[in-house]
Amino acid sequence: MIALSLAYPLREYIAQRSEIAQLRAEQARMRENVEELEQRSEELQDPAQIEREARTRLHYQYPGERSYVILDGEDDDAEQPEATGPREPWFTQLWKSVKEADEVGTESEEIPEAQPPER
């Protein structure tokens, strides 16, 4: 009888200890995140850092300056599928899809008539 009376409180105690451990780990992660954000905020107080960010991330330039963005062509070739032959024009493909959609609709069951709602 004593074992049964202690089972539930012991289980709750273990569950609470586990939850406390998880919350402490989350709190540590949040503190690290806050420290990183505070450091970033301090960096952005420097006008030189703001200028570097604007030039690199936003591609801002002073009037009269000319900037160039160089795109590497290797990635473009990897993304495009190889052409296996002449493709049909887009409007032909569109018309075929319309025909297929129309054919599918005729094979299905008929749509029942709408009934007015009961009052």
C-alpha atoms as a PDB file:
ATOM      1  CA  MET A   1       0.000   0.000   0.000  1.00  0.00           C
ATOM      2  CA  ILE A   2       2.863   2.392   0.804  1.00  0.00           C
ATOM      3  CA  ALA A   3       4.487   1.712  -2.586  1.00  0.00           C
ATOM      4  CA  LEU A   4       1.250   2.554  -4.373  1.00  0.00           C
ATOM      5  CA  SER A   5       0.793   5.755  -2.393  1.00  0.00           C
ATOM      6  CA  LEU A   6       4.349   6.885  -3.255  1.00  0.00           C
ATOM      7  CA  ALA A   7       4.268   5.919  -6.969  1.00  0.00           C
ATOM      8  CA  TYR A   8       2.289   8.911  -8.245  1.00  0.00           C
ATOM      9  CA  PRO A   9       4.178  11.612  -6.284  1.00  0.00           C
ATOM     10  CA  LEU A  10       7.496  10.031  -7.274  1.00  0.00           C
ATOM     11  CA  ARG A  11       6.484  10.003 -10.927  1.00  0.00           C
ATOM     12  CA  GLU A  12       5.453  13.678 -10.701  1.00  0.00           C
ATOM     13  CA  TYR A  13       8.744  14.559  -8.998  1.00  0.00           C
ATOM     14  CA  ILE A  14      10.764  12.892 -11.771  1.00  0.00           C
ATOM     15  CA  ALA A  15       8.673  14.598 -14.477  1.00  0.00           C
ATOM     16  CA  GLN A  16       9.164  17.994 -12.828  1.00  0.00           C
ATOM     17  CA  ARG A  17      12.925  17.450 -12.533  1.00  0.00           C
ATOM     18  CA  SER A  18      13.057  16.597 -16.234  1.00  0.00           C
ATOM     19  CA  GLU A  19      11.058  19.701 -17.111  1.00  0.00           C
ATOM     20  CA  ILE A  20      13.351  21.864 -14.957  1.00  0.00           C
ATOM     21  CA  ALA A  21      16.399  20.475 -16.774  1.00  0.00           C
ATOM     22  CA  GLN A  22      14.819  21.257 -20.148  1.00  0.00           C
ATOM     23  CA  LEU A  23      13.924  24.788 -19.079  1.00  0.00           C
ATOM     24  CA  ARG A  24      17.463  25.417 -17.813  1.00  0.00           C
ATOM     25  CA  ALA A  25      18.901  24.267 -21.147  1.00  0.00           C
ATOM     26  CA  GLU A  26      16.464  26.532 -23.002  1.00  0.00           C
ATOM     27  CA  GLN A  27      17.372  29.418 -20.698  1.00  0.00           C
ATOM     28  CA  ALA A  28      21.084  28.895 -21.482  1.00  0.00           C
ATOM     29  CA  ARG A  29      20.346  28.948 -25.229  1.00  0.00           C
ATOM     30  CA  MET A  30      18.305  32.131 -24.832  1.00  0.00           C
ATOM     31  CA  ARG A  31      21.139  33.813 -22.903  1.00  0.00           C
ATOM     32  CA  GLU A  32      23.581  32.937 -25.700  1.00  0.00           C
ATOM     33  CA  ASN A  33      21.133  34.323 -28.245  1.00  0.00           C
ATOM     34  CA  VAL A  34      20.742  37.558 -26.270  1.00  0.00           C
ATOM     35  CA  GLU A  35      24.531  37.920 -26.014  1.00  0.00           C
ATOM     36  CA  GLU A  36      24.904  37.463 -29.782  1.00  0.00           C
ATOM     37  CA  LEU A  37      22.185  40.038 -30.448  1.00  0.00           C
ATOM     38  CA  GLU A  38      23.732  42.532 -28.032  1.00  0.00           C
ATOM     39  CA  GLN A  39      27.107  42.083 -29.742  1.00  0.00           C
ATOM     40  CA  ARG A  40      25.483  42.607 -33.141  1.00  0.00           C
ATOM     41  CA  SER A  41      23.750  45.731 -31.822  1.00  0.00           C
ATOM     42  CA  GLU A  42      27.085  47.119 -30.626  1.00  0.00           C
ATOM     43  CA  GLU A  43      28.662  46.385 -34.016  1.00  0.00           C
ATOM     44  CA  LEU A  44      25.893  48.269 -35.779  1.00  0.00           C
ATOM     45  CA  GLN A  45      26.523  51.385 -33.686  1.00  0.00           C
ATOM     46  CA  ASP A  46      29.723  51.923 -35.687  1.00  0.00           C
ATOM     47  CA  PRO A  47      29.069  53.984 -38.869  1.00  0.00           C
ATOM     48  CA  ALA A  48      31.868  52.158 -40.699  1.00  0.00           C
ATOM     49  CA  GLN A  49      30.193  48.821 -40.002  1.00  0.00           C
ATOM     50  CA  ILE A  50      26.869  50.151 -41.274  1.00  0.00           C
ATOM     51  CA  GLU A  51      28.572  51.312 -44.468  1.00  0.00           C
ATOM     52  CA  ARG A  52      30.204  47.869 -44.945  1.00  0.00           C
ATOM     53  CA  GLU A  53      26.851  46.147 -44.447  1.00  0.00           C
ATOM     54  CA  ALA A  54      25.137  48.450 -46.947  1.00  0.00           C
ATOM     55  CA  ARG A  55      27.835  47.883 -49.539  1.00  0.00           C
ATOM     56  CA  THR A  56      28.067  44.102 -49.185  1.00  0.00           C
ATOM     57  CA  ARG A  57      24.526  42.995 -48.405  1.00  0.00           C
ATOM     58  CA  LEU A  58      22.476  45.682 -50.130  1.00  0.00           C
ATOM     59  CA  HIS A  59      24.937  46.573 -52.920  1.00  0.00           C
ATOM     60  CA  TYR A  60      24.676  50.291 -52.136  1.00  0.00           C
ATOM     61  CA  GLN A  61      27.205  52.597 -53.764  1.00  0.00           C
ATOM     62  CA  TYR A  62      28.018  56.271 -53.556  1.00  0.00           C
ATOM     63  CA  PRO A  63      26.888  58.462 -56.450  1.00  0.00           C
ATOM     64  CA  GLY A  64      29.363  58.207 -59.286  1.00  0.00           C
ATOM     65  CA  GLU A  65      30.649  54.781 -58.259  1.00  0.00           C
ATOM     66  CA  ARG A  66      30.042  51.793 -60.472  1.00  0.00           C
ATOM     67  CA  SER A  67      29.576  48.296 -59.082  1.00  0.00           C
ATOM     68  CA  TYR A  68      29.500  44.948 -60.783  1.00  0.00           C
ATOM     69  CA  VAL A  69      27.852  41.723 -59.693  1.00  0.00           C
ATOM     70  CA  ILE A  70      29.532  38.667 -61.142  1.00  0.00           C
ATOM     71  CA  LEU A  71      27.370  35.585 -61.480  1.00  0.00           C
ATOM     72  CA  ASP A  72      29.046  32.215 -61.661  1.00  0.00           C
ATOM     73  CA  GLY A  73      27.675  30.240 -64.614  1.00  0.00           C
ATOM     74  CA  GLU A  74      28.407  26.807 -63.118  1.00  0.00           C
ATOM     75  CA  ASP A  75      25.284  26.711 -60.932  1.00  0.00           C
ATOM     76  CA  ASP A  76      22.982  27.679 -63.806  1.00  0.00           C
ATOM     77  CA  ASP A  77      24.036  24.672 -65.873  1.00  0.00           C
ATOM     78  CA  ALA A  78      23.433  22.252 -63.009  1.00  0.00           C
ATOM     79  CA  GLU A  79      19.873  23.433 -62.420  1.00  0.00           C
ATOM     80  CA  GLN A  80      18.660  23.259 -66.007  1.00  0.00           C
ATOM     81  CA  PRO A  81      17.575  19.836 -67.292  1.00  0.00           C
ATOM     82  CA  GLU A  82      19.160  18.586 -70.475  1.00  0.00           C
ATOM     83  CA  ALA A  83      17.117  19.101 -73.632  1.00  0.00           C
ATOM     84  CA  THR A  84      16.166  15.745 -75.163  1.00  0.00           C
ATOM     85  CA  GLY A  85      14.674  17.161 -78.312  1.00  0.00           C
ATOM     86  CA  PRO A  86      12.490  19.951 -79.650  1.00  0.00           C
ATOM     87  CA  ARG A  87       9.864  21.005 -77.148  1.00  0.00           C
ATOM     88  CA  GLU A  88       6.327  21.948 -77.992  1.00  0.00           C
ATOM     89  CA  PRO A  89       5.336  25.590 -77.635  1.00  0.00           C
ATOM     90  CA  TRP A  90       3.774  26.578 -74.326  1.00  0.00           C
ATOM     91  CA  PHE A  91       0.341  27.140 -75.853  1.00  0.00           C
ATOM     92  CA  THR A  92       0.275  23.585 -77.227  1.00  0.00           C
ATOM     93  CA  GLN A  93       1.074  22.196 -73.803  1.00  0.00           C
ATOM     94  CA  LEU A  94      -1.616  24.428 -72.299  1.00  0.00           C
ATOM     95  CA  TRP A  95      -4.230  23.250 -74.788  1.00  0.00           C
ATOM     96  CA  LYS A  96      -3.362  19.594 -74.122  1.00  0.00           C
ATOM     97  CA  SER A  97      -3.769  20.132 -70.374  1.00  0.00           C
ATOM     98  CA  VAL A  98      -7.174  21.766 -70.958  1.00  0.00           C
ATOM     99  CA  LYS A  99      -8.274  18.800 -73.055  1.00  0.00           C
ATOM    100  CA  GLU A 100      -7.081  16.337 -70.403  1.00  0.00           C
ATOM    101  CA  ALA A 101      -8.915  18.241 -67.685  1.00  0.00           C
ATOM    102  CA  ASP A 102     -12.098  18.225 -69.765  1.00  0.00           C
ATOM    103  CA  GLU A 103     -11.852  14.464 -70.383  1.00  0.00           C
ATOM    104  CA  VAL A 104     -11.407  13.711 -66.698  1.00  0.00           C
ATOM    105  CA  GLY A 105     -14.547  15.684 -65.870  1.00  0.00           C
ATOM    106  CA  THR A 106     -16.768  13.612 -68.208  1.00  0.00           C
ATOM    107  CA  GLU A 107     -15.776  10.294 -66.628  1.00  0.00           C
ATOM    108  CA  SER A 108     -16.635  11.286 -63.066  1.00  0.00           C
ATOM    109  CA  GLU A 109     -20.050  11.154 -61.410  1.00  0.00           C
ATOM    110  CA  GLU A 110     -22.543  13.888 -62.110  1.00  0.00           C
ATOM    111  CA  ILE A 111     -22.719  16.778 -59.713  1.00  0.00           C
ATOM    112  CA  PRO A 112     -25.982  16.759 -57.707  1.00  0.00           C
ATOM    113  CA  GLU A 113     -28.252  19.754 -57.871  1.00  0.00           C
ATOM    114  CA  ALA A 114     -27.904  22.268 -55.083  1.00  0.00           C
ATOM    115  CA  GLN A 115     -30.694  22.107 -52.539  1.00  0.00           C
ATOM    116  CA  PRO A 116     -31.914  25.148 -50.598  1.00  0.00           C
ATOM    117  CA  PRO A 117     -31.042  25.042 -46.906  1.00  0.00           C
ATOM    118  CA  GLU A 118     -33.716  23.727 -44.582  1.00  0.00           C
ATOM    119  CA  ARG A 119     -35.359  26.264 -42.310  1.00  0.00           C
END
